Amino acid sequence: MNRSNFLQRSLLTAGGLTIGNALKGQAQAAPSSLLSIDKPIDALNIFELEQLAKERLPQMVYDYYRSGAWDKTTLKANREAYEKYKIHYKVLVDVQHRDLSTTIFGHKVAFPILIAPTAFHKLAHPEGELATARAAVASNTLMTMSSLSNTLIEEVSLAANRNFWFQLFINKDRGFTRELVARATAAGAKALVVTVDTPLWGRRERDIRNGFHLPEGLSAINLVPSDKDGVKKGNSGAGLGQSFAWMLDATLQWKDLDWLASITHIPVVIKGVCRPDDAKISISHGVKGIVVSNHGGRQMDSAPATIDVLSPIVDAVGDQVTVLMDGGIRRGLDAMKALAMGAKAVLVGRPVLWGLAAGGQQGVEKALSLLRDELDLAMALSGCRTLQDLNRDLLR
């Protein structure tokens, strides 16, 4: 499928929207039931921000964002595991001046907390991914845009000043995957984050009970709009699995990463690794980065908490690939523990969604600033001036 045909297939409309007019700044409209005026954000931490989001979101949307697979044991473990690790802080260290900045794949960020890929931001706020991208720019960090975005890649790119990462599922249709990679790259994506823990969708029973669906007027706009019978995909259904199963490939193997690395010049990062042996294997398949992740507890229930498997994975790969981590981070202190264990940076998903629901761009900036300021204070109280001072000695 050539570029021209792809663009024709991608003229997915929502109230008449096409790629052409979207690039002129006309955002895909959110349902009127979701339109609201941003209110002042009075939250001291991410937990209070979530409470604000809960008050402002429809129950189906709140459940979709917060839910985990099956009995939610991994969802709970991701949070509870941080409590096991105690900080053996240093004293009498001059910490008046601190530097939280770091560089990842050549891009400098002000602090090592990035935005994880999460789906359907317009369910949280009418500006959706555009608000998130602008908050990332204002906060001097990086957003990872989800394939399941309600906003066109090209629009997000403009809002992100062409500094963003793009999350990718390697589709059964490799031609479609190639064109999506080409679009993301042309728009300025600085890395491809390939989800590798999703041969099938995990079972999220709350979504099934709620009959989760996208309201009229919203769609997964960057994905192919219909099958060969003309039936639209990705717009509704009793649970995410039924709506988007068509885009997954249960036959995906390591060799497919070789193919992906061969068609792009930007770094390939794999997201969803929880074993040191898988991390080591990735090195020989063109992978430049790993996100230690269990999909926020939304895929394989009873998977280990990410913080518990981070150190063995860092040890397995050394400095051959960049190791990142997500999962359960609600405090800057959680981020500091992951950084001390060897993560180059961490990614946060639900905290960003809570901020987005609570107040659009300013809400996302609030979420990021809460985590950044907590990390900064935790480093000072631990006797650490820079990220290089964070190491496992703090957690012994």
Protein backbone atom coordinates (compact mmCIF):
# COMPACT_ATOMS: atom_id res chain seq x y z
CA MET A 1 0.00 0.00 0.00
CA ASN A 2 1.54 3.30 -1.07
CA ARG A 3 1.46 6.57 0.84
CA SER A 4 -1.36 8.01 -1.24
CA ASN A 5 -3.62 5.00 -0.68
CA PHE A 6 -2.82 5.05 3.02
CA LEU A 7 -3.88 8.67 3.36
CA GLN A 8 -7.11 7.90 1.54
CA ARG A 9 -7.81 5.07 3.97
CA SER A 10 -6.98 7.35 6.89
CA LEU A 11 -9.55 10.02 6.08
CA LEU A 12 -11.50 8.77 9.04
CA THR A 13 -14.16 11.31 9.82
CA ALA A 14 -15.65 12.42 13.08
CA GLY A 15 -18.07 15.17 12.24
CA GLY A 16 -16.33 15.69 8.91
CA LEU A 17 -12.74 15.72 10.18
CA THR A 18 -10.00 14.65 7.80
CA ILE A 19 -6.22 14.72 7.97
CA GLY A 20 -6.31 17.76 5.73
CA ASN A 21 -8.41 20.00 7.93
CA ALA A 22 -6.96 18.56 11.13
CA LEU A 23 -3.56 19.84 10.09
CA LYS A 24 -5.13 23.27 9.90
CA GLY A 25 -5.80 23.01 13.63
CA GLN A 26 -9.33 21.67 13.73
CA ALA A 27 -9.32 19.06 16.49
CA GLN A 28 -11.55 16.01 16.47
CA ALA A 29 -14.60 16.96 18.50
CA ALA A 30 -15.35 15.31 21.82
CA PRO A 31 -18.93 14.40 22.66
CA SER A 32 -20.85 17.29 24.21
CA SER A 33 -21.31 15.24 27.40
CA LEU A 34 -17.56 15.39 27.95
CA LEU A 35 -17.18 19.11 27.36
CA SER A 36 -16.51 21.00 30.57
CA ILE A 37 -14.79 24.13 31.75
CA ASP A 38 -11.51 23.41 33.50
CA LYS A 39 -11.78 24.08 37.22
CA PRO A 40 -9.00 25.14 39.60
CA ILE A 41 -6.81 22.21 40.60
CA ASP A 42 -6.48 21.89 44.36
CA ALA A 43 -4.40 18.75 44.82
CA LEU A 44 -1.35 18.15 46.98
CA ASN A 45 -0.47 14.80 45.44
CA ILE A 46 -1.42 12.33 42.70
CA PHE A 47 -3.95 10.56 44.93
CA GLU A 48 -5.90 13.79 45.41
CA LEU A 49 -5.62 14.47 41.68
CA GLU A 50 -7.18 11.07 41.01
CA GLN A 51 -10.06 11.93 43.32
CA LEU A 52 -10.70 15.11 41.33
CA ALA A 53 -10.62 13.08 38.12
CA LYS A 54 -13.04 10.53 39.55
CA GLU A 55 -15.52 13.30 40.36
CA ARG A 56 -15.36 14.66 36.80
CA LEU A 57 -15.30 11.48 34.73
CA PRO A 58 -18.20 9.21 33.71
CA GLN A 59 -18.00 5.92 35.61
CA MET A 60 -17.29 3.90 32.46
CA VAL A 61 -14.29 6.10 31.60
CA TYR A 62 -12.90 6.16 35.14
CA ASP A 63 -13.18 2.38 35.33
CA TYR A 64 -11.46 2.00 31.96
CA TYR A 65 -8.49 4.13 33.01
CA ARG A 66 -8.04 2.56 36.44
CA SER A 67 -8.89 -1.09 35.75
CA GLY A 68 -6.56 -4.07 35.81
CA ALA A 69 -6.76 -7.62 34.52
CA TRP A 70 -8.67 -10.38 36.28
CA ASP A 71 -8.23 -10.09 40.09
CA LYS A 72 -5.98 -7.03 39.79
CA THR A 73 -3.20 -8.62 41.82
CA THR A 74 -0.49 -7.14 39.59
CA LEU A 75 -2.23 -3.76 39.62
CA LYS A 76 -2.03 -3.81 43.43
CA ALA A 77 1.50 -5.24 43.50
CA ASN A 78 2.82 -2.42 41.32
CA ARG A 79 1.90 0.02 44.08
CA GLU A 80 2.61 -2.04 47.17
CA ALA A 81 6.06 -3.23 46.09
CA TYR A 82 7.61 0.22 46.53
CA GLU A 83 6.96 0.09 50.26
CA LYS A 84 9.47 -2.75 50.69
CA TYR A 85 12.40 -0.61 49.61
CA LYS A 86 13.72 1.70 52.31
CA ILE A 87 15.94 4.72 51.73
CA HIS A 88 19.26 4.65 53.60
CA TYR A 89 19.82 8.39 53.23
CA LYS A 90 23.13 10.21 53.56
CA VAL A 91 23.63 13.24 55.81
CA LEU A 92 25.90 16.28 55.83
CA VAL A 93 25.96 16.55 52.04
CA ASP A 94 25.68 19.94 50.33
CA VAL A 95 22.44 19.59 48.37
CA GLN A 96 21.61 23.26 47.94
CA HIS A 97 21.87 22.93 44.14
CA ARG A 98 20.38 19.88 42.44
CA ASP A 99 20.17 18.81 38.81
CA LEU A 100 17.44 16.39 37.71
CA SER A 101 18.09 16.64 33.97
CA THR A 102 19.07 13.72 31.79
CA THR A 103 19.48 12.88 28.09
CA ILE A 104 17.71 9.96 26.42
CA PHE A 105 18.46 9.06 22.79
CA GLY A 106 20.06 12.46 22.37
CA HIS A 107 17.11 14.45 23.74
CA LYS A 108 17.59 16.35 26.99
CA VAL A 109 14.70 16.45 29.46
CA ALA A 110 14.44 18.52 32.64
CA PHE A 111 13.70 15.49 34.83
CA PRO A 112 13.59 11.72 34.31
CA ILE A 113 9.81 11.30 34.38
CA LEU A 114 8.29 10.76 30.93
CA ILE A 115 4.69 10.33 29.79
CA ALA A 116 3.73 6.72 29.13
CA PRO A 117 1.46 5.78 26.21
CA THR A 118 -2.20 5.65 27.24
CA ALA A 119 -5.26 5.40 25.02
CA PHE A 120 -8.18 7.70 24.29
CA HIS A 121 -7.27 11.01 25.95
CA LYS A 122 -10.41 12.70 24.65
CA LEU A 123 -12.42 10.58 27.03
CA ALA A 124 -10.75 12.63 29.78
CA HIS A 125 -10.78 16.09 28.20
CA PRO A 126 -11.98 17.65 24.92
CA GLU A 127 -8.42 18.63 23.90
CA GLY A 128 -7.18 15.09 24.49
CA GLU A 129 -3.67 14.28 23.37
CA LEU A 130 -3.06 17.89 22.31
CA ALA A 131 -3.33 19.03 25.92
CA THR A 132 -1.00 16.24 27.01
CA ALA A 133 1.56 17.08 24.33
CA ARG A 134 1.54 20.77 25.22
CA ALA A 135 2.00 19.91 28.88
CA ALA A 136 5.00 17.78 28.00
CA VAL A 137 6.56 20.70 26.13
CA ALA A 138 5.81 23.14 28.96
CA SER A 139 7.31 20.71 31.48
CA ASN A 140 10.35 19.96 29.28
CA THR A 141 9.79 16.23 29.18
CA LEU A 142 8.69 13.69 26.53
CA MET A 143 5.29 12.29 25.66
CA THR A 144 4.82 8.81 24.21
CA MET A 145 1.78 8.94 21.95
CA SER A 146 -0.43 5.84 21.88
CA SER A 147 -1.53 4.14 18.68
CA LEU A 148 -4.98 4.22 20.29
CA SER A 149 -5.04 7.99 20.25
CA ASN A 150 -8.11 10.10 19.54
CA THR A 151 -5.90 12.66 17.78
CA LEU A 152 -3.96 12.46 14.55
CA ILE A 153 -0.21 11.87 14.72
CA GLU A 154 0.41 15.01 12.72
CA GLU A 155 -1.59 17.15 15.15
CA VAL A 156 0.18 15.75 18.20
CA SER A 157 3.51 16.35 16.51
CA LEU A 158 2.74 20.04 16.11
CA ALA A 159 1.63 20.33 19.75
CA ALA A 160 4.76 18.49 20.89
CA ASN A 161 7.14 20.60 18.78
CA ARG A 162 8.05 17.41 16.91
CA ASN A 163 9.59 15.92 20.06
CA PHE A 164 7.61 12.82 20.97
CA TRP A 165 7.80 9.04 20.95
CA PHE A 166 5.22 6.86 19.22
CA GLN A 167 3.84 3.64 20.69
CA LEU A 168 3.25 0.91 18.13
CA PHE A 169 1.56 -2.46 17.88
CA ILE A 170 3.06 -4.48 15.03
CA ASN A 171 -0.14 -5.15 13.12
CA LYS A 172 -1.08 -8.34 11.32
CA ASP A 173 -1.02 -6.18 8.20
CA ARG A 174 2.70 -5.41 7.88
CA GLY A 175 1.98 -2.96 5.08
CA PHE A 176 -0.23 -0.95 7.39
CA THR A 177 2.43 -1.11 10.11
CA ARG A 178 5.06 0.15 7.68
CA GLU A 179 2.87 3.10 6.68
CA LEU A 180 2.10 3.97 10.32
CA VAL A 181 5.82 3.92 11.11
CA ALA A 182 6.45 6.16 8.10
CA ARG A 183 3.80 8.62 9.25
CA ALA A 184 5.15 8.75 12.80
CA THR A 185 8.71 9.20 11.57
CA ALA A 186 7.76 11.91 9.08
CA ALA A 187 5.92 13.71 11.89
CA GLY A 188 9.10 13.81 13.95
CA ALA A 189 8.81 10.88 16.35
CA LYS A 190 12.14 10.34 18.06
CA ALA A 191 11.59 6.68 19.00
CA LEU A 192 9.18 3.81 18.38
CA VAL A 193 7.92 2.14 21.55
CA VAL A 194 6.72 -1.32 20.55
CA THR A 195 4.28 -3.03 22.91
CA VAL A 196 5.37 -6.68 23.17
CA ASP A 197 3.19 -8.02 26.00
CA THR A 198 -0.06 -8.03 24.04
CA PRO A 199 -0.47 -11.02 21.70
CA LEU A 200 -4.09 -10.85 22.86
CA TRP A 201 -5.90 -8.32 25.02
CA GLY A 202 -5.94 -8.99 28.74
CA ARG A 203 -9.33 -9.60 30.33
CA ARG A 204 -10.51 -6.46 32.10
CA GLU A 205 -13.80 -7.48 33.59
CA ARG A 206 -14.90 -4.00 34.60
CA ASP A 207 -14.77 -2.90 30.94
CA ILE A 208 -16.78 -5.94 29.89
CA ARG A 209 -19.36 -5.28 32.60
CA ASN A 210 -19.62 -1.63 31.57
CA GLY A 211 -19.75 -2.44 27.84
CA PHE A 212 -16.84 -0.07 27.31
CA HIS A 213 -17.05 1.85 24.03
CA LEU A 214 -15.99 5.10 22.49
CA PRO A 215 -18.84 7.62 22.40
CA GLU A 216 -20.13 8.83 19.06
CA GLY A 217 -17.69 11.29 17.55
CA LEU A 218 -14.53 9.68 18.94
CA SER A 219 -12.39 7.08 17.23
CA ALA A 220 -8.93 5.55 17.14
CA ILE A 221 -8.27 7.97 14.32
CA ASN A 222 -4.78 6.84 13.31
CA LEU A 223 -5.87 3.26 12.69
CA VAL A 224 -7.43 1.81 9.56
CA PRO A 225 -11.11 2.78 9.68
CA SER A 226 -12.86 -0.30 8.34
CA ASP A 227 -12.42 -3.90 7.31
CA LYS A 228 -13.00 -5.20 3.80
CA ASP A 229 -16.73 -5.47 4.51
CA GLY A 230 -16.90 -1.77 5.35
CA VAL A 231 -17.49 -2.31 9.08
CA LYS A 232 -15.83 0.37 11.20
CA LYS A 233 -13.24 -0.85 13.66
CA GLY A 234 -12.25 0.62 16.97
CA ASN A 235 -15.33 2.69 17.70
CA SER A 236 -17.43 0.54 20.01
CA GLY A 237 -17.83 -2.85 21.58
CA ALA A 238 -18.23 -4.73 24.85
CA GLY A 239 -14.70 -4.30 26.07
CA LEU A 240 -11.50 -3.28 24.37
CA GLY A 241 -10.65 -6.83 23.33
CA GLN A 242 -13.66 -7.19 21.06
CA SER A 243 -13.15 -3.78 19.49
CA PHE A 244 -9.44 -3.91 18.72
CA ALA A 245 -8.47 -7.59 18.46
CA TRP A 246 -8.01 -7.07 14.71
CA MET A 247 -4.90 -4.94 15.27
CA LEU A 248 -2.90 -7.50 17.28
CA ASP A 249 -0.71 -10.31 15.96
CA ALA A 250 -0.44 -13.40 18.17
CA THR A 251 2.30 -14.77 15.89
CA LEU A 252 4.70 -11.93 16.72
CA GLN A 253 8.29 -13.10 17.33
CA TRP A 254 11.78 -11.68 17.82
CA LYS A 255 12.41 -11.81 14.08
CA ASP A 256 9.67 -9.24 13.60
CA LEU A 257 11.74 -6.76 15.59
CA ASP A 258 14.56 -7.32 13.10
CA TRP A 259 12.13 -6.35 10.34
CA LEU A 260 10.95 -3.26 12.23
CA ALA A 261 14.50 -2.09 12.93
CA SER A 262 15.26 -2.50 9.22
CA ILE A 263 12.52 -0.08 8.10
CA THR A 264 13.26 2.82 10.46
CA HIS A 265 16.24 4.93 11.44
CA ILE A 266 14.89 5.97 14.84
CA PRO A 267 15.48 3.91 18.01
CA VAL A 268 13.22 0.91 18.62
CA VAL A 269 12.20 0.47 22.26
CA ILE A 270 10.26 -2.58 23.46
CA LYS A 271 7.70 -2.16 26.22
CA GLY A 272 6.46 -5.05 28.34
CA VAL A 273 9.59 -6.92 29.44
CA CYS A 274 9.70 -8.55 32.90
CA ARG A 275 12.48 -11.18 32.48
CA PRO A 276 16.26 -10.73 32.29
CA ASP A 277 16.60 -13.40 29.59
CA ASP A 278 14.13 -11.61 27.32
CA ALA A 279 16.00 -8.37 27.96
CA LYS A 280 19.28 -9.98 26.88
CA ILE A 281 17.74 -11.50 23.76
CA SER A 282 16.50 -8.08 22.67
CA ILE A 283 20.05 -6.76 22.30
CA SER A 284 20.68 -8.86 19.20
CA HIS A 285 17.45 -7.75 17.50
CA GLY A 286 18.11 -4.08 16.94
CA VAL A 287 16.46 -2.89 20.16
CA LYS A 288 17.92 0.29 21.66
CA GLY A 289 15.74 0.53 24.74
CA ILE A 290 13.60 -1.54 27.09
CA VAL A 291 10.64 -0.46 29.19
CA VAL A 292 10.34 -2.81 32.14
CA SER A 293 6.55 -2.95 32.26
CA ASN A 294 3.57 -5.20 32.92
CA HIS A 295 1.14 -2.91 31.09
CA GLY A 296 0.00 -1.28 34.30
CA GLY A 297 -1.41 -4.60 35.52
CA ARG A 298 -3.80 -4.69 32.56
CA GLN A 299 -2.49 -7.76 30.72
CA MET A 300 -1.04 -10.78 32.60
CA ASP A 301 -2.38 -10.83 36.13
CA SER A 302 0.02 -12.30 38.73
CA ALA A 303 2.95 -10.84 36.81
CA PRO A 304 5.59 -9.41 39.15
CA ALA A 305 5.69 -5.78 40.15
CA THR A 306 8.02 -3.92 37.80
CA ILE A 307 10.20 -2.48 40.59
CA ASP A 308 10.90 -6.06 41.75
CA VAL A 309 12.35 -7.18 38.41
CA LEU A 310 14.11 -3.96 37.44
CA SER A 311 17.53 -4.65 38.99
CA PRO A 312 17.99 -8.13 37.45
CA ILE A 313 17.12 -6.72 34.03
CA VAL A 314 19.55 -3.80 34.42
CA ASP A 315 22.26 -6.28 35.41
CA ALA A 316 21.48 -8.52 32.43
CA VAL A 317 21.87 -5.82 29.77
CA GLY A 318 24.43 -3.49 31.35
CA ASP A 319 24.90 -0.39 29.24
CA GLN A 320 24.05 -2.11 25.94
CA VAL A 321 20.49 -0.74 25.91
CA THR A 322 18.67 2.05 27.71
CA VAL A 323 16.46 0.67 30.50
CA LEU A 324 13.28 2.52 31.46
CA MET A 325 10.47 1.47 33.79
CA ASP A 326 6.77 2.11 34.36
CA GLY A 327 4.15 0.78 36.72
CA GLY A 328 2.58 2.08 39.91
CA ILE A 329 4.52 5.32 40.26
CA ARG A 330 2.42 7.76 42.28
CA ARG A 331 5.14 9.59 44.20
CA GLY A 332 8.43 11.16 43.25
CA LEU A 333 9.89 8.85 45.88
CA ASP A 334 8.73 5.85 43.82
CA ALA A 335 10.55 7.29 40.82
CA MET A 336 13.69 7.80 42.89
CA LYS A 337 13.72 4.17 43.94
CA ALA A 338 13.48 3.04 40.31
CA LEU A 339 16.26 5.41 39.30
CA ALA A 340 18.44 4.15 42.15
CA MET A 341 17.93 0.60 40.86
CA GLY A 342 19.28 1.56 37.46
CA ALA A 343 16.41 2.92 35.36
CA LYS A 344 17.47 5.78 33.09
CA ALA A 345 13.99 7.29 33.48
CA VAL A 346 10.47 6.25 34.42
CA LEU A 347 7.17 6.65 32.60
CA VAL A 348 3.82 7.50 34.17
CA GLY A 349 0.41 6.83 32.67
CA ARG A 350 -2.55 7.05 35.03
CA PRO A 351 -1.24 10.15 36.88
CA VAL A 352 -1.24 11.98 33.54
CA LEU A 353 -4.80 10.87 32.82
CA TRP A 354 -5.94 12.04 36.25
CA GLY A 355 -4.38 15.42 35.59
CA LEU A 356 -5.92 15.60 32.14
CA ALA A 357 -9.38 14.84 33.50
CA ALA A 358 -8.95 17.29 36.37
CA GLY A 359 -7.88 20.22 34.22
CA GLY A 360 -6.63 19.58 30.71
CA GLN A 361 -3.13 20.86 29.96
CA GLN A 362 -2.76 22.57 33.32
CA GLY A 363 -3.84 19.34 35.02
CA VAL A 364 -1.17 17.32 33.24
CA GLU A 365 1.40 19.97 34.11
CA LYS A 366 0.21 19.72 37.71
CA ALA A 367 0.69 15.95 37.76
CA LEU A 368 4.18 16.23 36.33
CA SER A 369 5.17 19.06 38.66
CA LEU A 370 3.94 17.15 41.72
CA LEU A 371 6.10 14.16 40.78
CA ARG A 372 9.07 16.30 39.79
CA ASP A 373 9.00 18.33 43.01
CA GLU A 374 8.65 15.20 45.14
CA LEU A 375 11.61 13.63 43.34
CA ASP A 376 13.66 16.77 43.87
CA LEU A 377 12.86 16.86 47.59
CA ALA A 378 13.50 13.13 48.01
CA MET A 379 16.92 13.50 46.38
CA ALA A 380 17.81 16.40 48.67
CA LEU A 381 16.74 14.50 51.77
CA SER A 382 18.77 11.50 50.59
CA GLY A 383 21.96 13.51 50.10
CA CYS A 384 21.87 13.32 46.30
CA ARG A 385 22.64 16.30 44.06
CA THR A 386 22.35 14.65 40.65
CA LEU A 387 20.84 11.54 39.14
CA GLN A 388 24.33 10.02 39.05
CA ASP A 389 24.28 10.01 42.87
CA LEU A 390 21.30 7.64 42.87
CA ASN A 391 22.41 4.03 43.18
CA ARG A 392 21.48 0.81 44.96
CA ASP A 393 23.52 1.77 47.98
CA LEU A 394 20.58 3.99 48.93
CA LEU A 395 18.29 0.95 49.06
CA ARG A 396 20.53 -1.54 50.86
